[in-house]
Structure formats: C-alpha cells, structure tokens
C-alpha atoms as a PDB file:
ATOM      1  CA  MET A   1       1.262 -39.228 145.704  1.00  0.00           C
ATOM      2  CA  VAL A   2       4.718 -40.440 146.778  1.00  0.00           C
ATOM      3  CA  ASP A   3       3.690 -40.544 150.438  1.00  0.00           C
ATOM      4  CA  ASP A   4       0.626 -42.612 149.523  1.00  0.00           C
ATOM      5  CA  LEU A   5       2.867 -45.166 147.799  1.00  0.00           C
ATOM      6  CA  VAL A   6       5.733 -45.260 150.303  1.00  0.00           C
ATOM      7  CA  GLY A   7       3.677 -44.988 153.496  1.00  0.00           C
ATOM      8  CA  PRO A   8       2.314 -48.547 153.538  1.00  0.00           C
ATOM      9  CA  VAL A   9       5.723 -50.025 152.670  1.00  0.00           C
ATOM     10  CA  ALA A  10       7.478 -47.959 155.344  1.00  0.00           C
ATOM     11  CA  ALA A  11       4.891 -49.084 157.904  1.00  0.00           C
ATOM     12  CA  ARG A  12       5.514 -52.716 156.959  1.00  0.00           C
ATOM     13  CA  PHE A  13       9.300 -52.350 157.291  1.00  0.00           C
ATOM     14  CA  PRO A  14       9.890 -49.900 160.177  1.00  0.00           C
ATOM     15  CA  SER A  15      13.613 -50.719 160.459  1.00  0.00           C
ATOM     16  CA  VAL A  16      14.254 -49.478 156.897  1.00  0.00           C
ATOM     17  CA  ALA A  17      14.959 -45.771 156.368  1.00  0.00           C
ATOM     18  CA  PHE A  18      13.012 -44.318 153.448  1.00  0.00           C
ATOM     19  CA  ARG A  19      13.846 -40.946 151.894  1.00  0.00           C
ATOM     20  CA  THR A  20      11.696 -39.644 149.070  1.00  0.00           C
ATOM     21  CA  ARG A  21      11.907 -36.669 146.778  1.00  0.00           C
ATOM     22  CA  SER A  22      10.472 -35.573 143.482  1.00  0.00           C
ATOM     23  CA  VAL A  23      12.885 -34.488 140.745  1.00  0.00           C
ATOM     24  CA  GLU A  24      12.164 -33.223 137.239  1.00  0.00           C
ATOM     25  CA  GLY A  25      14.167 -34.541 134.306  1.00  0.00           C
ATOM     26  CA  HIS A  26      14.713 -37.623 132.170  1.00  0.00           C
ATOM     27  CA  PRO A  27      14.082 -40.603 134.472  1.00  0.00           C
ATOM     28  CA  GLY A  28      17.239 -42.498 133.520  1.00  0.00           C
ATOM     29  CA  GLU A  29      19.527 -39.512 134.020  1.00  0.00           C
ATOM     30  CA  VAL A  30      17.859 -38.478 137.290  1.00  0.00           C
ATOM     31  CA  LEU A  31      18.221 -42.003 138.685  1.00  0.00           C
ATOM     32  CA  VAL A  32      21.847 -42.327 137.566  1.00  0.00           C
ATOM     33  CA  GLU A  33      22.638 -39.037 139.310  1.00  0.00           C
ATOM     34  CA  ALA A  34      20.878 -40.294 142.452  1.00  0.00           C
ATOM     35  CA  SER A  35      22.969 -43.473 142.322  1.00  0.00           C
ATOM     36  CA  ARG A  36      26.097 -41.402 142.924  1.00  0.00           C
ATOM     37  CA  HIS A  37      24.891 -40.908 146.519  1.00  0.00           C
ATOM     38  CA  ALA A  38      23.323 -44.331 147.095  1.00  0.00           C
ATOM     39  CA  GLU A  39      24.438 -47.723 148.339  1.00  0.00           C
ATOM     40  CA  LEU A  40      21.830 -49.405 146.123  1.00  0.00           C
ATOM     41  CA  LEU A  41      19.562 -48.111 143.355  1.00  0.00           C
ATOM     42  CA  VAL A  42      16.248 -49.983 143.134  1.00  0.00           C
ATOM     43  CA  VAL A  43      14.146 -49.517 140.005  1.00  0.00           C
ATOM     44  CA  GLY A  44      11.037 -51.207 138.693  1.00  0.00           C
ATOM     45  CA  SER A  45      10.626 -52.554 135.196  1.00  0.00           C
ATOM     46  CA  ARG A  46       7.571 -52.867 133.039  1.00  0.00           C
ATOM     47  CA  GLY A  47       9.824 -54.415 130.396  1.00  0.00           C
ATOM     48  CA  HIS A  48       9.646 -53.318 126.789  1.00  0.00           C
ATOM     49  CA  GLY A  49      12.977 -54.801 125.689  1.00  0.00           C
ATOM     50  CA  VAL A  50      15.143 -57.851 126.326  1.00  0.00           C
ATOM     51  CA  LEU A  51      18.639 -57.944 127.866  1.00  0.00           C
ATOM     52  CA  SER A  52      20.384 -61.233 128.772  1.00  0.00           C
ATOM     53  CA  GLY A  53      17.075 -63.089 128.925  1.00  0.00           C
ATOM     54  CA  VAL A  54      15.659 -60.677 131.513  1.00  0.00           C
ATOM     55  CA  VAL A  55      12.947 -58.321 130.329  1.00  0.00           C
ATOM     56  CA  LEU A  56      13.957 -54.699 130.979  1.00  0.00           C
ATOM     57  CA  GLY A  57      12.491 -51.337 130.161  1.00  0.00           C
ATOM     58  CA  SER A  58      14.614 -48.556 128.688  1.00  0.00           C
ATOM     59  CA  VAL A  59      15.022 -46.672 131.995  1.00  0.00           C
ATOM     60  CA  SER A  60      16.023 -49.744 134.008  1.00  0.00           C
ATOM     61  CA  GLN A  61      18.434 -50.781 131.248  1.00  0.00           C
ATOM     62  CA  HIS A  62      19.964 -47.272 131.234  1.00  0.00           C
ATOM     63  CA  CYS A  63      20.424 -47.467 135.003  1.00  0.00           C
ATOM     64  CA  THR A  64      22.102 -50.881 134.911  1.00  0.00           C
ATOM     65  CA  VAL A  65      24.638 -49.583 132.403  1.00  0.00           C
ATOM     66  CA  HIS A  66      25.378 -46.130 133.838  1.00  0.00           C
ATOM     67  CA  ALA A  67      24.646 -46.164 137.586  1.00  0.00           C
ATOM     68  CA  ALA A  68      27.450 -45.473 140.055  1.00  0.00           C
ATOM     69  CA  SER A  69      26.019 -47.935 142.606  1.00  0.00           C
ATOM     70  CA  PRO A  70      24.714 -51.492 142.330  1.00  0.00           C
ATOM     71  CA  VAL A  71      21.262 -51.665 140.733  1.00  0.00           C
ATOM     72  CA  LEU A  72      18.390 -53.968 141.646  1.00  0.00           C
ATOM     73  CA  VAL A  73      15.696 -54.223 138.977  1.00  0.00           C
ATOM     74  CA  HIS A  74      12.374 -55.419 140.389  1.00  0.00           C
ATOM     75  CA  ARG A  75       9.833 -56.850 137.997  1.00  0.00           C
ATOM     76  CA  SER A  76       6.338 -57.659 139.185  1.00  0.00           C
ATOM     77  CA  LEU A  77       5.195 -61.155 138.268  1.00  0.00           C
ATOM     78  CA  ARG A  78       1.580 -60.090 137.834  1.00  0.00           C
END
C-alpha cells in the first residue's frame, strides 16, 4: 500500500530521496520518534481541532508540540 502511494510521487520528483517503512504504535509517538532522525517531519492533517487559526488534527498537533525536528503540516484544500 505504501509503495502504491509513494511511487507516483517519487516518479514525479526523481531528485528527492524517499524512504518508507511501516511501524506499529500510536501515530503521534511513532512520528515524534522518527523526527529524532529527520531534517523535516511532514504530516498531513484532516483537521478535527483548531490551533492558532489553522485547523489541525490531534496527531499533527502532537507532532508540532513534541517533534525533535521542524514539522510541516500539509492540509489538502479539497
């Protein structure tokens, strides 16, 4: 499933290195741990809460507070 999602994006941006892996656990905690080894943590947001006028979900909000690297929260405008 991950390869099906990442494959088209990787093909569109061949100069970007993509590394994927599947990890079990609470999403917020798993992503915060991953941020310890990252230059940038990118998360999506479906947005079920509000923080500073920007709609965030609970996992993206957790990451912005606890991550060890900068966090980019992407929200689809659809």
